[in-house]
Amino acid sequence: MPRLKTRRHFLATLPAIGWAAAHAADDSPLQDIVFGSCLDTHEHPMLDRTLTLPRDLFIFMGDNIYADKGGIPMMQEKYALLKNSRFFKGLQNKPILATWDDHDFGENDGGGSYPHKKEAQVEFWNWLDEPVTSPRRQQEGVYQAQTFGPAGKRVQVVMLDTRYFRSPLKKVPKDKAMLGGSYVPTDDTAATMLGDAQWSWLAQVLQQPAELRLIVSSIQFAPQAHGGECWANMPHEQQRLLKLLQGQTAVILSGDRHWSEFSHNGVFDFTTSSMTQKHPRGTPTPNQHRCIPQTYHLPNVGHLRIDWAAATITAKVIGEDGGTKITQTLPFRELLIS
């Protein structure tokens, strides 16, 4: 990751897969986490607003650039613009974690069959100044995990890669499509969202001690199938993740949709998107798992505050004006996945 001025203390020895054992045990606990997705420009009032929010960590959840139409040269150009932007430079005084989605992966709705995914991964890590010798550059896929804080107040942030290994999605003709698109749930249990290597890594990561886990997925996990990309398109993989999370105190952070909503389907899923774009339709797709009726369709960013004394989290969607558009406070006990 970027060589930033942070409070982190990294272990000297790191595993070869997923860099799973990096810890910040000597640090103060995380309190304020800011998370966002979908930046089609590097200059926007929402980005300026984001820099004013209290922040111990910033999480890029994907579509960090839009470079799916010009190949690797466009990807390099877009990353350079973001890297040199006032926004990105303003984030670099605190830790940053990132994963990708389709537009920065390099192919709209792309998955494991994308022919330039290895080259795209190189550019992703170049953007973040990942050292040439880093284990992250040696693995396939950009999944990773980082634990912050001392014992009793540890937060593990798990960054999933829902692109590099993903199987093709099941699609129907336009005349049978849903409001959000033509993708539908598959009954092919061989289809994968994460791939064998990442699933194995995730099982190991979740055995590490933490009082709270933030699982970052570039696409929505909890909402019902809506025609777009989501975990509900692979119900067997959705259930596999829920089973793996049983007994954990965890929430999911997601992006992609160009609107924000809070859902619950075995686990809370806080979706915030887009940081720089207004949703053209302005109305959400149906979602029986929406736990708060409000949705928000203008530029926004997510903010998560952890109150360790009260053992609660408060998730907020923040708009361009700095106002709170959606909010929910939950005790840790309600985050325990059964």
C-alpha atoms as a PDB file:
ATOM      1  CA  MET A   1       0.000   0.000   0.000  1.00  0.00           C
ATOM      2  CA  PRO A   2       1.066   3.626  -0.181  1.00  0.00           C
ATOM      3  CA  ARG A   3       3.912   4.612   2.079  1.00  0.00           C
ATOM      4  CA  LEU A   4       1.808   6.973   4.147  1.00  0.00           C
ATOM      5  CA  LYS A   5       2.193   8.713   7.465  1.00  0.00           C
ATOM      6  CA  THR A   6       0.009   6.337   9.459  1.00  0.00           C
ATOM      7  CA  ARG A   7      -0.311   4.936  12.948  1.00  0.00           C
ATOM      8  CA  ARG A   8       0.141   1.386  11.690  1.00  0.00           C
ATOM      9  CA  HIS A   9       2.884  -0.942  12.834  1.00  0.00           C
ATOM     10  CA  PHE A  10       3.344  -3.808  10.368  1.00  0.00           C
ATOM     11  CA  LEU A  11       4.618  -7.234  11.247  1.00  0.00           C
ATOM     12  CA  ALA A  12       7.987  -8.011   9.744  1.00  0.00           C
ATOM     13  CA  THR A  13       6.888 -11.382   8.334  1.00  0.00           C
ATOM     14  CA  LEU A  14       3.853 -11.517   6.057  1.00  0.00           C
ATOM     15  CA  PRO A  15       2.268 -14.537   4.350  1.00  0.00           C
ATOM     16  CA  ALA A  16       2.594 -15.064   0.631  1.00  0.00           C
ATOM     17  CA  ILE A  17      -1.151 -15.004   0.007  1.00  0.00           C
ATOM     18  CA  GLY A  18      -3.401 -12.044   0.690  1.00  0.00           C
ATOM     19  CA  TRP A  19      -1.074 -10.320   3.151  1.00  0.00           C
ATOM     20  CA  ALA A  20      -3.458 -11.534   5.825  1.00  0.00           C
ATOM     21  CA  ALA A  21      -1.384 -11.080   8.973  1.00  0.00           C
ATOM     22  CA  ALA A  22      -0.690  -7.363   8.892  1.00  0.00           C
ATOM     23  CA  HIS A  23      -1.713  -5.841  12.196  1.00  0.00           C
ATOM     24  CA  ALA A  24      -1.741  -2.526  13.978  1.00  0.00           C
ATOM     25  CA  ALA A  25      -1.726  -3.851  17.511  1.00  0.00           C
ATOM     26  CA  ASP A  26       0.162  -0.870  18.926  1.00  0.00           C
ATOM     27  CA  ASP A  27      -2.237   1.672  17.489  1.00  0.00           C
ATOM     28  CA  SER A  28      -5.184   3.500  18.917  1.00  0.00           C
ATOM     29  CA  PRO A  29      -8.464   1.828  17.920  1.00  0.00           C
ATOM     30  CA  LEU A  30     -10.268   2.893  14.775  1.00  0.00           C
ATOM     31  CA  GLN A  31     -13.160   5.246  15.367  1.00  0.00           C
ATOM     32  CA  ASP A  32     -14.034   6.887  12.027  1.00  0.00           C
ATOM     33  CA  ILE A  33     -13.979   4.981   8.733  1.00  0.00           C
ATOM     34  CA  VAL A  34     -14.931   6.707   5.470  1.00  0.00           C
ATOM     35  CA  PHE A  35     -15.810   4.551   2.469  1.00  0.00           C
ATOM     36  CA  GLY A  36     -16.844   5.320  -1.090  1.00  0.00           C
ATOM     37  CA  SER A  37     -17.063   4.039  -4.647  1.00  0.00           C
ATOM     38  CA  CYS A  38     -17.546   5.119  -8.254  1.00  0.00           C
ATOM     39  CA  LEU A  39     -15.355   8.111  -9.136  1.00  0.00           C
ATOM     40  CA  ASP A  40     -15.682   9.069 -12.800  1.00  0.00           C
ATOM     41  CA  THR A  41     -13.776  12.295 -12.179  1.00  0.00           C
ATOM     42  CA  HIS A  42     -10.973  13.321  -9.822  1.00  0.00           C
ATOM     43  CA  GLU A  43     -12.460  16.766  -9.113  1.00  0.00           C
ATOM     44  CA  HIS A  44     -15.901  17.096  -7.550  1.00  0.00           C
ATOM     45  CA  PRO A  45     -17.501  18.927  -4.572  1.00  0.00           C
ATOM     46  CA  MET A  46     -18.299  15.557  -2.981  1.00  0.00           C
ATOM     47  CA  LEU A  47     -14.613  14.682  -2.994  1.00  0.00           C
ATOM     48  CA  ASP A  48     -13.819  17.996  -1.336  1.00  0.00           C
ATOM     49  CA  ARG A  49     -16.522  17.330   1.257  1.00  0.00           C
ATOM     50  CA  THR A  50     -15.084  13.884   1.957  1.00  0.00           C
ATOM     51  CA  LEU A  51     -11.752  15.392   2.982  1.00  0.00           C
ATOM     52  CA  THR A  52     -13.509  17.368   5.743  1.00  0.00           C
ATOM     53  CA  LEU A  53     -14.957  14.287   7.448  1.00  0.00           C
ATOM     54  CA  PRO A  54     -13.352  12.757  10.556  1.00  0.00           C
ATOM     55  CA  ARG A  55     -11.305   9.843   9.288  1.00  0.00           C
ATOM     56  CA  ASP A  56      -8.920   7.209  10.628  1.00  0.00           C
ATOM     57  CA  LEU A  57      -9.145   5.110   7.449  1.00  0.00           C
ATOM     58  CA  PHE A  58     -10.424   5.588   3.899  1.00  0.00           C
ATOM     59  CA  ILE A  59     -11.694   2.641   1.850  1.00  0.00           C
ATOM     60  CA  PHE A  60     -11.945   2.714  -1.956  1.00  0.00           C
ATOM     61  CA  MET A  61     -14.629   0.114  -2.759  1.00  0.00           C
ATOM     62  CA  GLY A  62     -14.210  -0.035  -6.535  1.00  0.00           C
ATOM     63  CA  ASP A  63     -14.819   1.862  -9.770  1.00  0.00           C
ATOM     64  CA  ASN A  64     -12.092   4.134  -8.441  1.00  0.00           C
ATOM     65  CA  ILE A  65     -11.501   5.159 -12.061  1.00  0.00           C
ATOM     66  CA  TYR A  66     -13.528   4.538 -15.229  1.00  0.00           C
ATOM     67  CA  ALA A  67     -11.150   2.909 -17.697  1.00  0.00           C
ATOM     68  CA  ASP A  68     -13.040   0.038 -19.293  1.00  0.00           C
ATOM     69  CA  LYS A  69     -13.103   1.426 -22.846  1.00  0.00           C
ATOM     70  CA  GLY A  70      -9.529   2.447 -23.598  1.00  0.00           C
ATOM     71  CA  GLY A  71      -7.396  -0.491 -22.534  1.00  0.00           C
ATOM     72  CA  ILE A  72      -4.313  -0.335 -20.321  1.00  0.00           C
ATOM     73  CA  PRO A  73      -3.126   3.060 -21.702  1.00  0.00           C
ATOM     74  CA  MET A  74      -6.376   4.710 -20.593  1.00  0.00           C
ATOM     75  CA  MET A  75      -6.125   2.936 -17.248  1.00  0.00           C
ATOM     76  CA  GLN A  76      -2.641   4.342 -16.711  1.00  0.00           C
ATOM     77  CA  GLU A  77      -3.811   7.830 -17.629  1.00  0.00           C
ATOM     78  CA  LYS A  78      -6.835   7.715 -15.328  1.00  0.00           C
ATOM     79  CA  TYR A  79      -4.833   6.375 -12.398  1.00  0.00           C
ATOM     80  CA  ALA A  80      -2.263   9.131 -12.881  1.00  0.00           C
ATOM     81  CA  LEU A  81      -4.976  11.784 -12.788  1.00  0.00           C
ATOM     82  CA  LEU A  82      -6.454  10.335  -9.593  1.00  0.00           C
ATOM     83  CA  LYS A  83      -3.057   9.862  -7.973  1.00  0.00           C
ATOM     84  CA  ASN A  84      -2.091  13.492  -8.596  1.00  0.00           C
ATOM     85  CA  SER A  85      -5.470  14.902  -7.613  1.00  0.00           C
ATOM     86  CA  ARG A  86      -6.102  17.147  -4.649  1.00  0.00           C
ATOM     87  CA  PHE A  87      -8.482  14.495  -3.325  1.00  0.00           C
ATOM     88  CA  PHE A  88      -6.064  11.569  -3.315  1.00  0.00           C
ATOM     89  CA  LYS A  89      -3.231  13.656  -1.927  1.00  0.00           C
ATOM     90  CA  GLY A  90      -5.584  14.860   0.799  1.00  0.00           C
ATOM     91  CA  LEU A  91      -6.251  11.285   1.874  1.00  0.00           C
ATOM     92  CA  GLN A  92      -2.628  10.323   2.269  1.00  0.00           C
ATOM     93  CA  ASN A  93      -2.211  11.500   5.845  1.00  0.00           C
ATOM     94  CA  LYS A  94      -4.185   8.442   7.026  1.00  0.00           C
ATOM     95  CA  PRO A  95      -4.352   4.778   6.002  1.00  0.00           C
ATOM     96  CA  ILE A  96      -5.974   3.848   2.683  1.00  0.00           C
ATOM     97  CA  LEU A  97      -7.292   0.466   1.567  1.00  0.00           C
ATOM     98  CA  ALA A  98      -8.712  -0.319  -1.866  1.00  0.00           C
ATOM     99  CA  THR A  99     -10.298  -2.974  -4.018  1.00  0.00           C
ATOM    100  CA  TRP A 100     -11.632  -2.723  -7.571  1.00  0.00           C
ATOM    101  CA  ASP A 101     -14.867  -3.190  -9.488  1.00  0.00           C
ATOM    102  CA  ASP A 102     -15.511  -3.612 -13.201  1.00  0.00           C
ATOM    103  CA  HIS A 103     -14.611  -0.149 -14.515  1.00  0.00           C
ATOM    104  CA  ASP A 104     -11.164  -0.137 -12.898  1.00  0.00           C
ATOM    105  CA  PHE A 105     -10.774  -3.875 -13.527  1.00  0.00           C
ATOM    106  CA  GLY A 106     -10.934  -2.972 -17.204  1.00  0.00           C
ATOM    107  CA  GLU A 107     -14.133  -4.497 -18.590  1.00  0.00           C
ATOM    108  CA  ASN A 108     -17.748  -3.496 -17.975  1.00  0.00           C
ATOM    109  CA  ASP A 109     -19.322  -6.280 -15.869  1.00  0.00           C
ATOM    110  CA  GLY A 110     -16.062  -8.172 -16.387  1.00  0.00           C
ATOM    111  CA  GLY A 111     -14.969 -11.265 -14.539  1.00  0.00           C
ATOM    112  CA  GLY A 112     -12.441 -14.079 -14.656  1.00  0.00           C
ATOM    113  CA  SER A 113     -12.433 -14.317 -18.439  1.00  0.00           C
ATOM    114  CA  TYR A 114     -11.141 -10.759 -18.941  1.00  0.00           C
ATOM    115  CA  PRO A 115      -7.912 -11.283 -20.938  1.00  0.00           C
ATOM    116  CA  HIS A 116      -5.975  -8.323 -19.493  1.00  0.00           C
ATOM    117  CA  LYS A 117      -6.681  -8.855 -15.804  1.00  0.00           C
ATOM    118  CA  LYS A 118      -3.006  -9.476 -14.949  1.00  0.00           C
ATOM    119  CA  GLU A 119      -1.955  -6.224 -16.591  1.00  0.00           C
ATOM    120  CA  ALA A 120      -4.825  -4.422 -14.840  1.00  0.00           C
ATOM    121  CA  GLN A 121      -3.651  -5.757 -11.481  1.00  0.00           C
ATOM    122  CA  VAL A 122      -0.179  -4.343 -12.106  1.00  0.00           C
ATOM    123  CA  GLU A 123      -1.674  -0.897 -12.730  1.00  0.00           C
ATOM    124  CA  PHE A 124      -3.865  -1.155  -9.629  1.00  0.00           C
ATOM    125  CA  TRP A 125      -0.852  -1.758  -7.400  1.00  0.00           C
ATOM    126  CA  ASN A 126       1.196   0.859  -9.245  1.00  0.00           C
ATOM    127  CA  TRP A 127      -1.496   3.415  -8.394  1.00  0.00           C
ATOM    128  CA  LEU A 128      -1.114   2.552  -4.707  1.00  0.00           C
ATOM    129  CA  ASP A 129       2.711   2.488  -4.784  1.00  0.00           C
ATOM    130  CA  GLU A 130       2.752  -1.136  -3.669  1.00  0.00           C
ATOM    131  CA  PRO A 131       6.423  -2.220  -3.367  1.00  0.00           C
ATOM    132  CA  VAL A 132       7.722  -4.380  -6.210  1.00  0.00           C
ATOM    133  CA  THR A 133       8.618  -7.140  -3.743  1.00  0.00           C
ATOM    134  CA  SER A 134       5.228  -7.081  -1.969  1.00  0.00           C
ATOM    135  CA  PRO A 135       3.423 -10.437  -1.623  1.00  0.00           C
ATOM    136  CA  ARG A 136       0.316  -8.673  -2.904  1.00  0.00           C
ATOM    137  CA  ARG A 137       1.931  -8.352  -6.316  1.00  0.00           C
ATOM    138  CA  GLN A 138       2.726 -12.072  -6.378  1.00  0.00           C
ATOM    139  CA  GLN A 139      -0.821 -13.338  -5.849  1.00  0.00           C
ATOM    140  CA  GLU A 140      -3.601 -13.363  -8.436  1.00  0.00           C
ATOM    141  CA  GLY A 141      -6.382 -10.961  -7.438  1.00  0.00           C
ATOM    142  CA  VAL A 142      -6.303  -7.876  -5.226  1.00  0.00           C
ATOM    143  CA  TYR A 143      -7.950  -9.346  -2.113  1.00  0.00           C
ATOM    144  CA  GLN A 144      -6.294  -8.447   1.169  1.00  0.00           C
ATOM    145  CA  ALA A 145      -6.946  -7.985   4.887  1.00  0.00           C
ATOM    146  CA  GLN A 146      -5.718  -5.570   7.529  1.00  0.00           C
ATOM    147  CA  THR A 147      -6.327  -5.519  11.278  1.00  0.00           C
ATOM    148  CA  PHE A 148      -6.237  -2.250  13.199  1.00  0.00           C
ATOM    149  CA  GLY A 149      -6.206  -1.565  16.926  1.00  0.00           C
ATOM    150  CA  PRO A 150      -5.236  -3.250  20.197  1.00  0.00           C
ATOM    151  CA  ALA A 151      -6.726  -6.413  21.675  1.00  0.00           C
ATOM    152  CA  GLY A 152     -10.299  -5.779  22.743  1.00  0.00           C
ATOM    153  CA  LYS A 153     -10.762  -3.087  20.083  1.00  0.00           C
ATOM    154  CA  ARG A 154      -9.536  -4.776  16.934  1.00  0.00           C
ATOM    155  CA  VAL A 155     -11.156  -4.080  13.568  1.00  0.00           C
ATOM    156  CA  GLN A 156     -10.339  -6.419  10.724  1.00  0.00           C
ATOM    157  CA  VAL A 157     -10.980  -4.957   7.275  1.00  0.00           C
ATOM    158  CA  VAL A 158     -11.351  -7.653   4.614  1.00  0.00           C
ATOM    159  CA  MET A 159     -11.135  -6.419   1.019  1.00  0.00           C
ATOM    160  CA  LEU A 160     -12.722  -8.950  -1.347  1.00  0.00           C
ATOM    161  CA  ASP A 161     -12.015  -9.225  -5.075  1.00  0.00           C
ATOM    162  CA  THR A 162     -15.308  -9.991  -6.834  1.00  0.00           C
ATOM    163  CA  ARG A 163     -13.762  -9.697 -10.342  1.00  0.00           C
ATOM    164  CA  TYR A 164     -10.568 -11.645 -10.916  1.00  0.00           C
ATOM    165  CA  PHE A 165     -12.020 -15.153 -10.495  1.00  0.00           C
ATOM    166  CA  ARG A 166     -15.739 -14.583 -11.034  1.00  0.00           C
ATOM    167  CA  SER A 167     -17.582 -16.959 -13.346  1.00  0.00           C
ATOM    168  CA  PRO A 168     -19.782 -15.625 -16.177  1.00  0.00           C
ATOM    169  CA  LEU A 169     -23.185 -14.394 -15.031  1.00  0.00           C
ATOM    170  CA  LYS A 170     -26.473 -15.845 -16.198  1.00  0.00           C
ATOM    171  CA  LYS A 171     -28.277 -13.439 -18.532  1.00  0.00           C
ATOM    172  CA  VAL A 172     -31.769 -13.315 -20.032  1.00  0.00           C
ATOM    173  CA  PRO A 173     -33.077 -11.460 -23.124  1.00  0.00           C
ATOM    174  CA  LYS A 174     -34.003  -7.810 -22.670  1.00  0.00           C
ATOM    175  CA  ASP A 175     -37.717  -8.579 -22.902  1.00  0.00           C
ATOM    176  CA  LYS A 176     -37.360 -10.736 -19.771  1.00  0.00           C
ATOM    177  CA  ALA A 177     -35.002  -8.423 -17.916  1.00  0.00           C
ATOM    178  CA  MET A 178     -35.672  -6.774 -14.562  1.00  0.00           C
ATOM    179  CA  LEU A 179     -35.613  -3.018 -13.964  1.00  0.00           C
ATOM    180  CA  GLY A 180     -31.915  -3.088 -13.097  1.00  0.00           C
ATOM    181  CA  GLY A 181     -30.690  -5.232 -15.992  1.00  0.00           C
ATOM    182  CA  SER A 182     -30.607  -8.683 -17.578  1.00  0.00           C
ATOM    183  CA  TYR A 183     -28.673 -10.715 -14.978  1.00  0.00           C
ATOM    184  CA  VAL A 184     -30.596 -13.374 -13.046  1.00  0.00           C
ATOM    185  CA  PRO A 185     -29.730 -15.925 -10.355  1.00  0.00           C
ATOM    186  CA  THR A 186     -27.995 -19.063 -11.574  1.00  0.00           C
ATOM    187  CA  ASP A 187     -28.599 -22.629 -10.448  1.00  0.00           C
ATOM    188  CA  ASP A 188     -25.096 -23.629 -11.536  1.00  0.00           C
ATOM    189  CA  THR A 189     -23.366 -24.400  -8.248  1.00  0.00           C
ATOM    190  CA  ALA A 190     -20.004 -24.601 -10.009  1.00  0.00           C
ATOM    191  CA  ALA A 191     -20.157 -20.852 -10.708  1.00  0.00           C
ATOM    192  CA  THR A 192     -17.920 -18.884  -8.367  1.00  0.00           C
ATOM    193  CA  MET A 193     -17.783 -15.333  -7.102  1.00  0.00           C
ATOM    194  CA  LEU A 194     -14.389 -15.459  -5.372  1.00  0.00           C
ATOM    195  CA  GLY A 195     -12.567 -18.523  -6.731  1.00  0.00           C
ATOM    196  CA  ASP A 196     -11.033 -21.389  -4.751  1.00  0.00           C
ATOM    197  CA  ALA A 197      -7.842 -19.579  -3.712  1.00  0.00           C
ATOM    198  CA  GLN A 198      -9.684 -16.558  -2.354  1.00  0.00           C
ATOM    199  CA  TRP A 199     -12.280 -18.665  -0.538  1.00  0.00           C
ATOM    200  CA  SER A 200      -9.505 -20.641   1.141  1.00  0.00           C
ATOM    201  CA  TRP A 201      -7.700 -17.449   2.100  1.00  0.00           C
ATOM    202  CA  LEU A 202     -10.902 -15.921   3.499  1.00  0.00           C
ATOM    203  CA  ALA A 203     -11.558 -18.924   5.736  1.00  0.00           C
ATOM    204  CA  GLN A 204      -8.074 -18.485   7.227  1.00  0.00           C
ATOM    205  CA  VAL A 205      -8.412 -14.725   7.629  1.00  0.00           C
ATOM    206  CA  LEU A 206     -11.679 -15.031   9.553  1.00  0.00           C
ATOM    207  CA  GLN A 207      -9.944 -17.202  12.142  1.00  0.00           C
ATOM    208  CA  GLN A 208      -7.745 -14.293  13.177  1.00  0.00           C
ATOM    209  CA  PRO A 209      -8.883 -12.432  16.321  1.00  0.00           C
ATOM    210  CA  ALA A 210     -11.004  -9.300  15.905  1.00  0.00           C
ATOM    211  CA  GLU A 211     -13.846  -7.670  17.793  1.00  0.00           C
ATOM    212  CA  LEU A 212     -15.415  -6.282  14.598  1.00  0.00           C
ATOM    213  CA  ARG A 213     -14.996  -7.239  10.936  1.00  0.00           C
ATOM    214  CA  LEU A 214     -15.721  -5.008   7.948  1.00  0.00           C
ATOM    215  CA  ILE A 215     -16.160  -7.086   4.798  1.00  0.00           C
ATOM    216  CA  VAL A 216     -15.754  -4.911   1.692  1.00  0.00           C
ATOM    217  CA  SER A 217     -17.478  -6.149  -1.464  1.00  0.00           C
ATOM    218  CA  SER A 218     -17.491  -4.031  -4.606  1.00  0.00           C
ATOM    219  CA  ILE A 219     -20.977  -5.325  -5.463  1.00  0.00           C
ATOM    220  CA  GLN A 220     -24.015  -5.574  -3.194  1.00  0.00           C
ATOM    221  CA  PHE A 221     -24.385  -8.629  -0.987  1.00  0.00           C
ATOM    222  CA  ALA A 222     -27.694  -8.393   0.893  1.00  0.00           C
ATOM    223  CA  PRO A 223     -30.254  -7.009  -1.621  1.00  0.00           C
ATOM    224  CA  GLN A 224     -32.462  -9.303  -3.644  1.00  0.00           C
ATOM    225  CA  ALA A 225     -31.646  -9.984  -7.285  1.00  0.00           C
ATOM    226  CA  HIS A 226     -32.323  -6.830  -9.270  1.00  0.00           C
ATOM    227  CA  GLY A 227     -30.968  -7.419 -12.771  1.00  0.00           C
ATOM    228  CA  GLY A 228     -27.595  -5.866 -12.061  1.00  0.00           C
ATOM    229  CA  GLU A 229     -24.477  -7.427 -10.600  1.00  0.00           C
ATOM    230  CA  CYS A 230     -24.952  -8.682  -7.045  1.00  0.00           C
ATOM    231  CA  TRP A 231     -24.272 -11.715  -4.871  1.00  0.00           C
ATOM    232  CA  ALA A 232     -27.906 -12.777  -5.263  1.00  0.00           C
ATOM    233  CA  ASN A 233     -27.008 -13.826  -8.826  1.00  0.00           C
ATOM    234  CA  MET A 234     -25.049 -16.695  -7.255  1.00  0.00           C
ATOM    235  CA  PRO A 235     -27.251 -17.791  -4.341  1.00  0.00           C
ATOM    236  CA  HIS A 236     -24.968 -20.696  -3.422  1.00  0.00           C
ATOM    237  CA  GLU A 237     -22.002 -18.322  -3.082  1.00  0.00           C
ATOM    238  CA  GLN A 238     -24.103 -15.877  -1.072  1.00  0.00           C
ATOM    239  CA  GLN A 239     -24.994 -18.672   1.355  1.00  0.00           C
ATOM    240  CA  ARG A 240     -21.381 -19.827   1.447  1.00  0.00           C
ATOM    241  CA  LEU A 241     -20.234 -16.419   2.682  1.00  0.00           C
ATOM    242  CA  LEU A 242     -22.995 -16.252   5.283  1.00  0.00           C
ATOM    243  CA  LYS A 243     -22.011 -19.691   6.559  1.00  0.00           C
ATOM    244  CA  LEU A 244     -18.363 -18.659   6.741  1.00  0.00           C
ATOM    245  CA  LEU A 245     -19.341 -15.547   8.737  1.00  0.00           C
ATOM    246  CA  GLN A 246     -21.409 -17.429  11.315  1.00  0.00           C
ATOM    247  CA  GLY A 247     -20.377 -16.457  14.815  1.00  0.00           C
ATOM    248  CA  GLN A 248     -18.618 -13.293  13.620  1.00  0.00           C
ATOM    249  CA  THR A 249     -19.471  -9.713  14.529  1.00  0.00           C
ATOM    250  CA  ALA A 250     -19.384  -8.262  11.037  1.00  0.00           C
ATOM    251  CA  VAL A 251     -20.942  -5.909   8.505  1.00  0.00           C
ATOM    252  CA  ILE A 252     -20.531  -5.612   4.745  1.00  0.00           C
ATOM    253  CA  LEU A 253     -19.664  -2.373   2.943  1.00  0.00           C
ATOM    254  CA  SER A 254     -20.545  -2.246  -0.766  1.00  0.00           C
ATOM    255  CA  GLY A 255     -20.816   0.132  -3.720  1.00  0.00           C
ATOM    256  CA  ASP A 256     -21.514  -0.064  -7.470  1.00  0.00           C
ATOM    257  CA  ARG A 257     -25.205   0.909  -7.714  1.00  0.00           C
ATOM    258  CA  HIS A 258     -24.927   4.712  -8.008  1.00  0.00           C
ATOM    259  CA  TRP A 259     -27.304   5.059  -5.099  1.00  0.00           C
ATOM    260  CA  SER A 260     -27.135   4.304  -1.401  1.00  0.00           C
ATOM    261  CA  GLU A 261     -29.256   1.970   0.684  1.00  0.00           C
ATOM    262  CA  PHE A 262     -28.967  -0.111   3.837  1.00  0.00           C
ATOM    263  CA  SER A 263     -29.996  -3.773   3.679  1.00  0.00           C
ATOM    264  CA  HIS A 264     -30.034  -6.832   5.912  1.00  0.00           C
ATOM    265  CA  ASN A 265     -30.085 -10.414   4.701  1.00  0.00           C
ATOM    266  CA  GLY A 266     -28.267 -12.457   7.300  1.00  0.00           C
ATOM    267  CA  VAL A 267     -25.756  -9.601   7.601  1.00  0.00           C
ATOM    268  CA  PHE A 268     -26.028  -5.814   7.393  1.00  0.00           C
ATOM    269  CA  ASP A 269     -24.893  -4.389   4.047  1.00  0.00           C
ATOM    270  CA  PHE A 270     -24.261  -0.637   3.835  1.00  0.00           C
ATOM    271  CA  THR A 271     -24.190   0.432   0.174  1.00  0.00           C
ATOM    272  CA  THR A 272     -22.777   3.864  -0.682  1.00  0.00           C
ATOM    273  CA  SER A 273     -22.418   5.011  -4.290  1.00  0.00           C
ATOM    274  CA  SER A 274     -21.610   7.118  -6.298  1.00  0.00           C
ATOM    275  CA  MET A 275     -19.113   9.708  -5.059  1.00  0.00           C
ATOM    276  CA  THR A 276     -19.320  11.794  -8.233  1.00  0.00           C
ATOM    277  CA  GLN A 277     -22.453  10.795 -10.166  1.00  0.00           C
ATOM    278  CA  LYS A 278     -26.206  11.224  -9.924  1.00  0.00           C
ATOM    279  CA  HIS A 279     -28.241   8.127 -10.728  1.00  0.00           C
ATOM    280  CA  PRO A 280     -29.987   8.870 -14.044  1.00  0.00           C
ATOM    281  CA  ARG A 281     -33.244   7.092 -13.200  1.00  0.00           C
ATOM    282  CA  GLY A 282     -33.458   8.306  -9.637  1.00  0.00           C
ATOM    283  CA  THR A 283     -35.562   5.377  -8.439  1.00  0.00           C
ATOM    284  CA  PRO A 284     -34.239   2.210  -6.799  1.00  0.00           C
ATOM    285  CA  THR A 285     -34.861  -1.366  -7.846  1.00  0.00           C
ATOM    286  CA  PRO A 286     -37.081  -3.434  -5.523  1.00  0.00           C
ATOM    287  CA  ASN A 287     -35.313  -4.747  -2.444  1.00  0.00           C
ATOM    288  CA  GLN A 288     -37.246  -6.723   0.134  1.00  0.00           C
ATOM    289  CA  HIS A 289     -34.130  -6.749   2.328  1.00  0.00           C
ATOM    290  CA  ARG A 290     -33.907  -2.958   2.666  1.00  0.00           C
ATOM    291  CA  CYS A 291     -33.827  -2.332   6.424  1.00  0.00           C
ATOM    292  CA  ILE A 292     -34.309   1.434   6.144  1.00  0.00           C
ATOM    293  CA  PRO A 293     -36.843   2.758   3.615  1.00  0.00           C
ATOM    294  CA  GLN A 294     -34.750   5.721   2.467  1.00  0.00           C
ATOM    295  CA  THR A 295     -32.442   5.520  -0.521  1.00  0.00           C
ATOM    296  CA  TYR A 296     -30.200   8.313  -1.786  1.00  0.00           C
ATOM    297  CA  HIS A 297     -29.337   8.938  -5.445  1.00  0.00           C
ATOM    298  CA  LEU A 298     -27.054  12.001  -5.488  1.00  0.00           C
ATOM    299  CA  PRO A 299     -23.259  12.023  -4.931  1.00  0.00           C
ATOM    300  CA  ASN A 300     -22.420  10.621  -1.515  1.00  0.00           C
ATOM    301  CA  VAL A 301     -19.892   8.889   0.689  1.00  0.00           C
ATOM    302  CA  GLY A 302     -20.220   6.512   3.619  1.00  0.00           C
ATOM    303  CA  HIS A 303     -19.095   7.177   7.183  1.00  0.00           C
ATOM    304  CA  LEU A 304     -18.894   4.547   9.911  1.00  0.00           C
ATOM    305  CA  ARG A 305     -18.277   5.580  13.517  1.00  0.00           C
ATOM    306  CA  ILE A 306     -17.381   2.995  16.136  1.00  0.00           C
ATOM    307  CA  ASP A 307     -18.261   3.816  19.750  1.00  0.00           C
ATOM    308  CA  TRP A 308     -16.174   1.349  21.713  1.00  0.00           C
ATOM    309  CA  ALA A 309     -17.537   2.452  25.106  1.00  0.00           C
ATOM    310  CA  ALA A 310     -21.136   1.887  24.028  1.00  0.00           C
ATOM    311  CA  ALA A 311     -20.248  -1.090  21.782  1.00  0.00           C
ATOM    312  CA  THR A 312     -22.166   0.393  18.837  1.00  0.00           C
ATOM    313  CA  ILE A 313     -21.571   1.420  15.257  1.00  0.00           C
ATOM    314  CA  THR A 314     -23.300   4.270  13.422  1.00  0.00           C
ATOM    315  CA  ALA A 315     -23.383   4.102   9.632  1.00  0.00           C
ATOM    316  CA  LYS A 316     -24.201   7.264   7.677  1.00  0.00           C
ATOM    317  CA  VAL A 317     -24.578   8.305   4.061  1.00  0.00           C
ATOM    318  CA  ILE A 318     -23.173  11.835   3.740  1.00  0.00           C
ATOM    319  CA  GLY A 319     -24.227  14.127   0.885  1.00  0.00           C
ATOM    320  CA  GLU A 320     -22.384  16.885  -0.919  1.00  0.00           C
ATOM    321  CA  ASP A 321     -23.757  19.480   1.535  1.00  0.00           C
ATOM    322  CA  GLY A 322     -22.348  17.554   4.488  1.00  0.00           C
ATOM    323  CA  GLY A 323     -25.794  16.471   5.634  1.00  0.00           C
ATOM    324  CA  THR A 324     -26.708  12.964   6.727  1.00  0.00           C
ATOM    325  CA  LYS A 325     -29.072  11.346   4.208  1.00  0.00           C
ATOM    326  CA  ILE A 326     -29.403   7.857   5.724  1.00  0.00           C
ATOM    327  CA  THR A 327     -28.277   6.715   9.162  1.00  0.00           C
ATOM    328  CA  GLN A 328     -28.485   3.653  11.375  1.00  0.00           C
ATOM    329  CA  THR A 329     -27.002   2.908  14.794  1.00  0.00           C
ATOM    330  CA  LEU A 330     -26.560  -0.722  15.806  1.00  0.00           C
ATOM    331  CA  PRO A 331     -25.136  -2.415  18.910  1.00  0.00           C
ATOM    332  CA  PHE A 332     -22.420  -4.990  18.346  1.00  0.00           C
ATOM    333  CA  ARG A 333     -24.757  -7.739  19.549  1.00  0.00           C
ATOM    334  CA  GLU A 334     -27.035  -7.129  16.543  1.00  0.00           C
ATOM    335  CA  LEU A 335     -24.055  -7.533  14.182  1.00  0.00           C
ATOM    336  CA  LEU A 336     -23.395 -11.094  15.379  1.00  0.00           C
ATOM    337  CA  ILE A 337     -24.143 -13.410  12.467  1.00  0.00           C
ATOM    338  CA  SER A 338     -26.063 -16.527  13.398  1.00  0.00           C
END
